């Protein structure tokens, strides 16, 4: 079972999931700086199989993109 996006990102950033909102992202959350983004991408690769490349990094700079990926993965799993 996949970790929830909020749990995954919170663990990667070292914060509580409650501090994350759907509009949280790179440079608008106290823990989500460039180093935090690297941690988020590594967690996405490990847990969701998201490749770490330029397009993926741009697509996952915030919770909105991560939530979209999670929805895609979970809807595909249900088929």
PDB file of N, CA and C in Angstrom:
ATOM      1  N   UNK A   1       0.843  -1.185   0.000  1.00  0.00           N
ATOM      2  CA  UNK A   1       0.000   0.000   0.000  1.00  0.00           C
ATOM      3  C   UNK A   1       0.886   1.246   0.000  1.00  0.00           C
ATOM      4  N   UNK A   2       0.490   2.214  -0.791  1.00  0.00           N
ATOM      5  CA  UNK A   2       1.261   3.452  -0.887  1.00  0.00           C
ATOM      6  C   UNK A   2       1.037   4.339   0.329  1.00  0.00           C
ATOM      7  N   UNK A   3       2.096   5.015   0.734  1.00  0.00           N
ATOM      8  CA  UNK A   3       1.956   6.021   1.790  1.00  0.00           C
ATOM      9  C   UNK A   3       1.139   7.179   1.237  1.00  0.00           C
ATOM     10  N   UNK A   4       0.408   7.843   2.119  1.00  0.00           N
ATOM     11  CA  UNK A   4      -0.332   9.021   1.682  1.00  0.00           C
ATOM     12  C   UNK A   4       0.669  10.108   1.288  1.00  0.00           C
ATOM     13  N   UNK A   5       0.304  10.971   0.343  1.00  0.00           N
ATOM     14  CA  UNK A   5       1.220  12.030  -0.074  1.00  0.00           C
ATOM     15  C   UNK A   5       1.667  12.925   1.082  1.00  0.00           C
ATOM     16  N   UNK A   6       0.750  13.243   1.988  1.00  0.00           N
ATOM     17  CA  UNK A   6       1.111  14.120   3.104  1.00  0.00           C
ATOM     18  C   UNK A   6       2.092  13.438   4.051  1.00  0.00           C
ATOM     19  N   UNK A   7       1.872  12.161   4.320  1.00  0.00           N
ATOM     20  CA  UNK A   7       2.788  11.402   5.178  1.00  0.00           C
ATOM     21  C   UNK A   7       4.166  11.296   4.516  1.00  0.00           C
ATOM     22  N   UNK A   8       4.181  10.990   3.236  1.00  0.00           N
ATOM     23  CA  UNK A   8       5.427  10.830   2.493  1.00  0.00           C
ATOM     24  C   UNK A   8       6.246  12.118   2.492  1.00  0.00           C
ATOM     25  N   UNK A   9       5.605  13.230   2.164  1.00  0.00           N
ATOM     26  CA  UNK A   9       6.312  14.509   2.095  1.00  0.00           C
ATOM     27  C   UNK A   9       6.741  14.956   3.486  1.00  0.00           C
ATOM     28  N   UNK A  10       5.886  14.773   4.477  1.00  0.00           N
ATOM     29  CA  UNK A  10       6.247  15.158   5.844  1.00  0.00           C
ATOM     30  C   UNK A  10       7.487  14.409   6.317  1.00  0.00           C
ATOM     31  N   UNK A  11       7.546  13.113   6.043  1.00  0.00           N
ATOM     32  CA  UNK A  11       8.728  12.336   6.420  1.00  0.00           C
ATOM     33  C   UNK A  11       9.964  12.836   5.681  1.00  0.00           C
ATOM     34  N   UNK A  12       9.815  13.140   4.406  1.00  0.00           N
ATOM     35  CA  UNK A  12      10.952  13.609   3.608  1.00  0.00           C
ATOM     36  C   UNK A  12      11.465  14.962   4.093  1.00  0.00           C
ATOM     37  N   UNK A  13      10.546  15.808   4.542  1.00  0.00           N
ATOM     38  CA  UNK A  13      10.929  17.155   4.981  1.00  0.00           C
ATOM     39  C   UNK A  13      11.244  17.232   6.468  1.00  0.00           C
ATOM     40  N   UNK A  14      10.856  16.225   7.226  1.00  0.00           N
ATOM     41  CA  UNK A  14      11.070  16.259   8.669  1.00  0.00           C
ATOM     42  C   UNK A  14      10.112  17.199   9.371  1.00  0.00           C
ATOM     43  N   UNK A  15       8.850  17.178   8.928  1.00  0.00           N
ATOM     44  CA  UNK A  15       7.828  18.029   9.547  1.00  0.00           C
ATOM     45  C   UNK A  15       6.588  17.188   9.827  1.00  0.00           C
ATOM     46  N   UNK A  16       5.600  17.798  10.446  1.00  0.00           N
ATOM     47  CA  UNK A  16       4.337  17.108  10.708  1.00  0.00           C
ATOM     48  C   UNK A  16       3.429  17.232   9.483  1.00  0.00           C
ATOM     49  N   UNK A  17       2.681  16.191   9.154  1.00  0.00           N
ATOM     50  CA  UNK A  17       1.781  16.260   8.000  1.00  0.00           C
ATOM     51  C   UNK A  17       0.778  17.413   8.087  1.00  0.00           C
ATOM     52  N   UNK A  18       0.386  17.780   9.310  1.00  0.00           N
ATOM     53  CA  UNK A  18      -0.596  18.860   9.483  1.00  0.00           C
ATOM     54  C   UNK A  18      -0.082  20.213   8.996  1.00  0.00           C
ATOM     55  N   UNK A  19       1.243  20.347   8.851  1.00  0.00           N
ATOM     56  CA  UNK A  19       1.795  21.630   8.399  1.00  0.00           C
ATOM     57  C   UNK A  19       1.734  21.771   6.883  1.00  0.00           C
ATOM     58  N   UNK A  20       1.363  20.700   6.193  1.00  0.00           N
ATOM     59  CA  UNK A  20       1.293  20.725   4.731  1.00  0.00           C
ATOM     60  C   UNK A  20      -0.138  20.973   4.275  1.00  0.00           C
ATOM     61  N   UNK A  21      -0.272  21.787   3.230  1.00  0.00           N
ATOM     62  CA  UNK A  21      -1.576  22.078   2.631  1.00  0.00           C
ATOM     63  C   UNK A  21      -1.512  21.715   1.148  1.00  0.00           C
ATOM     64  N   UNK A  22      -2.636  21.675   0.473  1.00  0.00           N
ATOM     65  CA  UNK A  22      -2.607  21.365  -0.962  1.00  0.00           C
ATOM     66  C   UNK A  22      -1.761  22.341  -1.782  1.00  0.00           C
ATOM     67  N   UNK A  23      -1.600  23.575  -1.278  1.00  0.00           N
ATOM     68  CA  UNK A  23      -0.791  24.554  -2.022  1.00  0.00           C
ATOM     69  C   UNK A  23       0.644  24.663  -1.494  1.00  0.00           C
ATOM     70  N   UNK A  24       1.034  23.793  -0.572  1.00  0.00           N
ATOM     71  CA  UNK A  24       2.418  23.798  -0.074  1.00  0.00           C
ATOM     72  C   UNK A  24       3.359  23.341  -1.178  1.00  0.00           C
ATOM     73  N   UNK A  25       4.564  23.898  -1.150  1.00  0.00           N
ATOM     74  CA  UNK A  25       5.544  23.492  -2.146  1.00  0.00           C
ATOM     75  C   UNK A  25       6.896  24.127  -1.908  1.00  0.00           C
ATOM     76  N   UNK A  26       7.734  23.972  -2.888  1.00  0.00           N
ATOM     77  CA  UNK A  26       9.093  24.483  -2.833  1.00  0.00           C
ATOM     78  C   UNK A  26       9.091  25.975  -2.521  1.00  0.00           C
ATOM     79  N   UNK A  27       9.805  26.343  -1.491  1.00  0.00           N
ATOM     80  CA  UNK A  27      10.005  27.724  -1.045  1.00  0.00           C
ATOM     81  C   UNK A  27       8.767  28.410  -0.473  1.00  0.00           C
ATOM     82  N   UNK A  28       7.665  27.688  -0.232  1.00  0.00           N
ATOM     83  CA  UNK A  28       6.553  28.325   0.485  1.00  0.00           C
ATOM     84  C   UNK A  28       6.135  27.511   1.714  1.00  0.00           C
ATOM     85  N   UNK A  29       7.016  26.624   2.133  1.00  0.00           N
ATOM     86  CA  UNK A  29       6.876  25.877   3.391  1.00  0.00           C
ATOM     87  C   UNK A  29       8.235  25.978   4.075  1.00  0.00           C
ATOM     88  N   UNK A  30       8.265  26.191   5.387  1.00  0.00           N
ATOM     89  CA  UNK A  30       9.549  26.406   6.072  1.00  0.00           C
ATOM     90  C   UNK A  30      10.592  25.311   5.850  1.00  0.00           C
ATOM     91  N   UNK A  31      10.163  24.085   5.628  1.00  0.00           N
ATOM     92  CA  UNK A  31      11.114  22.981   5.468  1.00  0.00           C
ATOM     93  C   UNK A  31      11.350  22.598   4.004  1.00  0.00           C
ATOM     94  N   UNK A  32      10.589  23.199   3.089  1.00  0.00           N
ATOM     95  CA  UNK A  32      10.653  22.791   1.684  1.00  0.00           C
ATOM     96  C   UNK A  32      11.523  23.756   0.894  1.00  0.00           C
ATOM     97  N   UNK A  33      12.831  23.598   1.074  1.00  0.00           N
ATOM     98  CA  UNK A  33      13.812  24.361   0.308  1.00  0.00           C
ATOM     99  C   UNK A  33      14.412  23.425  -0.739  1.00  0.00           C
ATOM    100  N   UNK A  34      15.504  23.823  -1.378  1.00  0.00           N
ATOM    101  CA  UNK A  34      16.080  22.977  -2.434  1.00  0.00           C
ATOM    102  C   UNK A  34      16.550  21.624  -1.882  1.00  0.00           C
ATOM    103  N   UNK A  35      17.099  21.613  -0.675  1.00  0.00           N
ATOM    104  CA  UNK A  35      17.503  20.348  -0.059  1.00  0.00           C
ATOM    105  C   UNK A  35      16.273  19.492   0.248  1.00  0.00           C
ATOM    106  N   UNK A  36      15.240  20.139   0.747  1.00  0.00           N
ATOM    107  CA  UNK A  36      13.988  19.431   1.006  1.00  0.00           C
ATOM    108  C   UNK A  36      13.403  18.843  -0.271  1.00  0.00           C
ATOM    109  N   UNK A  37      13.510  19.582  -1.375  1.00  0.00           N
ATOM    110  CA  UNK A  37      13.007  19.081  -2.655  1.00  0.00           C
ATOM    111  C   UNK A  37      13.736  17.805  -3.071  1.00  0.00           C
ATOM    112  N   UNK A  38      15.042  17.772  -2.850  1.00  0.00           N
ATOM    113  CA  UNK A  38      15.798  16.548  -3.153  1.00  0.00           C
ATOM    114  C   UNK A  38      15.287  15.371  -2.322  1.00  0.00           C
ATOM    115  N   UNK A  39      15.029  15.626  -1.045  1.00  0.00           N
ATOM    116  CA  UNK A  39      14.497  14.569  -0.175  1.00  0.00           C
ATOM    117  C   UNK A  39      13.115  14.108  -0.637  1.00  0.00           C
ATOM    118  N   UNK A  40      12.284  15.060  -1.047  1.00  0.00           N
ATOM    119  CA  UNK A  40      10.949  14.717  -1.546  1.00  0.00           C
ATOM    120  C   UNK A  40      11.066  13.850  -2.796  1.00  0.00           C
ATOM    121  N   UNK A  41      11.940  14.231  -3.717  1.00  0.00           N
ATOM    122  CA  UNK A  41      12.089  13.463  -4.955  1.00  0.00           C
ATOM    123  C   UNK A  41      12.609  12.053  -4.682  1.00  0.00           C
ATOM    124  N   UNK A  42      13.547  11.928  -3.759  1.00  0.00           N
ATOM    125  CA  UNK A  42      14.054  10.590  -3.417  1.00  0.00           C
ATOM    126  C   UNK A  42      12.941   9.737  -2.814  1.00  0.00           C
ATOM    127  N   UNK A  43      12.104  10.344  -1.976  1.00  0.00           N
ATOM    128  CA  UNK A  43      10.984   9.614  -1.379  1.00  0.00           C
ATOM    129  C   UNK A  43       9.963   9.220  -2.441  1.00  0.00           C
ATOM    130  N   UNK A  44       9.710  10.117  -3.395  1.00  0.00           N
ATOM    131  CA  UNK A  44       8.773   9.801  -4.476  1.00  0.00           C
ATOM    132  C   UNK A  44       9.296   8.659  -5.341  1.00  0.00           C
ATOM    133  N   UNK A  45      10.583   8.671  -5.607  1.00  0.00           N
ATOM    134  CA  UNK A  45      11.176   7.597  -6.402  1.00  0.00           C
ATOM    135  C   UNK A  45      11.067   6.259  -5.662  1.00  0.00           C
ATOM    136  N   UNK A  46      11.425   6.279  -4.389  1.00  0.00           N
ATOM    137  CA  UNK A  46      11.428   5.048  -3.598  1.00  0.00           C
ATOM    138  C   UNK A  46      10.026   4.489  -3.375  1.00  0.00           C
ATOM    139  N   UNK A  47       9.068   5.363  -3.087  1.00  0.00           N
ATOM    140  CA  UNK A  47       7.729   4.912  -2.710  1.00  0.00           C
ATOM    141  C   UNK A  47       6.730   4.830  -3.858  1.00  0.00           C
ATOM    142  N   UNK A  48       6.851   5.725  -4.836  1.00  0.00           N
ATOM    143  CA  UNK A  48       5.876   5.775  -5.925  1.00  0.00           C
ATOM    144  C   UNK A  48       6.484   5.392  -7.273  1.00  0.00           C
ATOM    145  N   UNK A  49       7.806   5.178  -7.327  1.00  0.00           N
ATOM    146  CA  UNK A  49       8.451   4.843  -8.588  1.00  0.00           C
ATOM    147  C   UNK A  49       8.582   6.010  -9.544  1.00  0.00           C
ATOM    148  N   UNK A  50       8.524   7.228  -9.022  1.00  0.00           N
ATOM    149  CA  UNK A  50       8.637   8.431  -9.853  1.00  0.00           C
ATOM    150  C   UNK A  50      10.102   8.628 -10.231  1.00  0.00           C
ATOM    151  N   UNK A  51      10.406   8.760 -11.521  1.00  0.00           N
ATOM    152  CA  UNK A  51      11.802   8.972 -11.912  1.00  0.00           C
ATOM    153  C   UNK A  51      12.285  10.357 -11.483  1.00  0.00           C
ATOM    154  N   UNK A  52      13.558  10.452 -11.197  1.00  0.00           N
ATOM    155  CA  UNK A  52      14.138  11.748 -10.847  1.00  0.00           C
ATOM    156  C   UNK A  52      14.790  12.301 -12.112  1.00  0.00           C
ATOM    157  N   UNK A  53      14.054  13.166 -12.798  1.00  0.00           N
ATOM    158  CA  UNK A  53      14.576  13.851 -13.974  1.00  0.00           C
ATOM    159  C   UNK A  53      14.002  15.268 -13.978  1.00  0.00           C
ATOM    160  N   UNK A  54      14.455  16.096 -14.903  1.00  0.00           N
ATOM    161  CA  UNK A  54      14.051  17.507 -14.908  1.00  0.00           C
ATOM    162  C   UNK A  54      12.533  17.681 -14.954  1.00  0.00           C
ATOM    163  N   UNK A  55      11.870  16.957 -15.845  1.00  0.00           N
ATOM    164  CA  UNK A  55      10.414  17.098 -15.967  1.00  0.00           C
ATOM    165  C   UNK A  55       9.704  16.691 -14.682  1.00  0.00           C
ATOM    166  N   UNK A  56      10.139  15.601 -14.096  1.00  0.00           N
ATOM    167  CA  UNK A  56       9.515  15.107 -12.877  1.00  0.00           C
ATOM    168  C   UNK A  56       9.753  16.059 -11.707  1.00  0.00           C
ATOM    169  N   UNK A  57      10.949  16.596 -11.621  1.00  0.00           N
ATOM    170  CA  UNK A  57      11.247  17.549 -10.545  1.00  0.00           C
ATOM    171  C   UNK A  57      10.339  18.763 -10.661  1.00  0.00           C
ATOM    172  N   UNK A  58      10.171  19.280 -11.874  1.00  0.00           N
ATOM    173  CA  UNK A  58       9.278  20.431 -12.078  1.00  0.00           C
ATOM    174  C   UNK A  58       7.831  20.077 -11.737  1.00  0.00           C
ATOM    175  N   UNK A  59       7.402  18.880 -12.111  1.00  0.00           N
ATOM    176  CA  UNK A  59       6.013  18.466 -11.881  1.00  0.00           C
ATOM    177  C   UNK A  59       5.705  18.213 -10.408  1.00  0.00           C
ATOM    178  N   UNK A  60       6.740  17.978  -9.605  1.00  0.00           N
ATOM    179  CA  UNK A  60       6.537  17.608  -8.201  1.00  0.00           C
ATOM    180  C   UNK A  60       7.145  18.627  -7.234  1.00  0.00           C
ATOM    181  N   UNK A  61       7.089  19.905  -7.589  1.00  0.00           N
ATOM    182  CA  UNK A  61       7.605  20.956  -6.707  1.00  0.00           C
ATOM    183  C   UNK A  61       6.580  21.421  -5.691  1.00  0.00           C
ATOM    184  N   UNK A  62       5.451  20.759  -5.656  1.00  0.00           N
ATOM    185  CA  UNK A  62       4.415  21.126  -4.706  1.00  0.00           C
ATOM    186  C   UNK A  62       3.463  19.970  -4.471  1.00  0.00           C
ATOM    187  N   UNK A  63       2.639  20.130  -3.469  1.00  0.00           N
ATOM    188  CA  UNK A  63       1.691  19.076  -3.126  1.00  0.00           C
ATOM    189  C   UNK A  63       0.712  18.810  -4.257  1.00  0.00           C
ATOM    190  N   UNK A  64       0.341  19.824  -5.029  1.00  0.00           N
ATOM    191  CA  UNK A  64      -0.629  19.623  -6.108  1.00  0.00           C
ATOM    192  C   UNK A  64      -0.146  18.557  -7.087  1.00  0.00           C
ATOM    193  N   UNK A  65       1.092  18.638  -7.520  1.00  0.00           N
ATOM    194  CA  UNK A  65       1.637  17.653  -8.446  1.00  0.00           C
ATOM    195  C   UNK A  65       1.777  16.283  -7.817  1.00  0.00           C
ATOM    196  N   UNK A  66       2.153  16.259  -6.549  1.00  0.00           N
ATOM    197  CA  UNK A  66       2.312  14.989  -5.838  1.00  0.00           C
ATOM    198  C   UNK A  66       0.949  14.328  -5.631  1.00  0.00           C
ATOM    199  N   UNK A  67      -0.052  15.128  -5.288  1.00  0.00           N
ATOM    200  CA  UNK A  67      -1.402  14.593  -5.126  1.00  0.00           C
ATOM    201  C   UNK A  67      -1.931  14.035  -6.449  1.00  0.00           C
ATOM    202  N   UNK A  68      -1.642  14.718  -7.545  1.00  0.00           N
ATOM    203  CA  UNK A  68      -2.073  14.250  -8.868  1.00  0.00           C
ATOM    204  C   UNK A  68      -1.430  12.897  -9.190  1.00  0.00           C
ATOM    205  N   UNK A  69      -0.139  12.771  -8.928  1.00  0.00           N
ATOM    206  CA  UNK A  69       0.552  11.498  -9.160  1.00  0.00           C
ATOM    207  C   UNK A  69      -0.050  10.396  -8.298  1.00  0.00           C
ATOM    208  N   UNK A  70      -0.306  10.693  -7.035  1.00  0.00           N
ATOM    209  CA  UNK A  70      -0.894   9.707  -6.123  1.00  0.00           C
ATOM    210  C   UNK A  70      -2.262   9.254  -6.629  1.00  0.00           C
ATOM    211  N   UNK A  71      -3.084  10.211  -7.059  1.00  0.00           N
ATOM    212  CA  UNK A  71      -4.409   9.868  -7.578  1.00  0.00           C
ATOM    213  C   UNK A  71      -4.299   8.966  -8.801  1.00  0.00           C
ATOM    214  N   UNK A  72      -3.352   9.263  -9.681  1.00  0.00           N
ATOM    215  CA  UNK A  72      -3.142   8.436 -10.870  1.00  0.00           C
ATOM    216  C   UNK A  72      -2.721   7.026 -10.477  1.00  0.00           C
ATOM    217  N   UNK A  73      -1.780   6.930  -9.553  1.00  0.00           N
ATOM    218  CA  UNK A  73      -1.296   5.612  -9.124  1.00  0.00           C
ATOM    219  C   UNK A  73      -2.386   4.793  -8.444  1.00  0.00           C
ATOM    220  N   UNK A  74      -3.164   5.426  -7.602  1.00  0.00           N
ATOM    221  CA  UNK A  74      -4.189   4.681  -6.869  1.00  0.00           C
ATOM    222  C   UNK A  74      -5.382   4.353  -7.755  1.00  0.00           C
ATOM    223  N   UNK A  75      -5.705   5.192  -8.717  1.00  0.00           N
ATOM    224  CA  UNK A  75      -6.820   4.865  -9.612  1.00  0.00           C
ATOM    225  C   UNK A  75      -6.419   3.757 -10.578  1.00  0.00           C
ATOM    226  N   UNK A  76      -5.160   3.734 -11.009  1.00  0.00           N
ATOM    227  CA  UNK A  76      -4.677   2.661 -11.879  1.00  0.00           C
ATOM    228  C   UNK A  76      -4.634   1.332 -11.141  1.00  0.00           C
ATOM    229  N   UNK A  77      -4.325   1.374  -9.852  1.00  0.00           N
ATOM    230  CA  UNK A  77      -4.223   0.143  -9.062  1.00  0.00           C
ATOM    231  C   UNK A  77      -5.587  -0.510  -8.876  1.00  0.00           C
ATOM    232  N   UNK A  78      -6.626   0.311  -8.909  1.00  0.00           N
ATOM    233  CA  UNK A  78      -7.965  -0.214  -8.706  1.00  0.00           C
ATOM    234  C   UNK A  78      -8.576  -0.843  -9.942  1.00  0.00           C
ATOM    235  N   UNK A  79      -7.908  -0.788 -11.058  1.00  0.00           N
ATOM    236  CA  UNK A  79      -8.456  -1.326 -12.311  1.00  0.00           C
ATOM    237  C   UNK A  79      -8.160  -2.777 -12.477  1.00  0.00           C
TER     238      UNK A  79
END
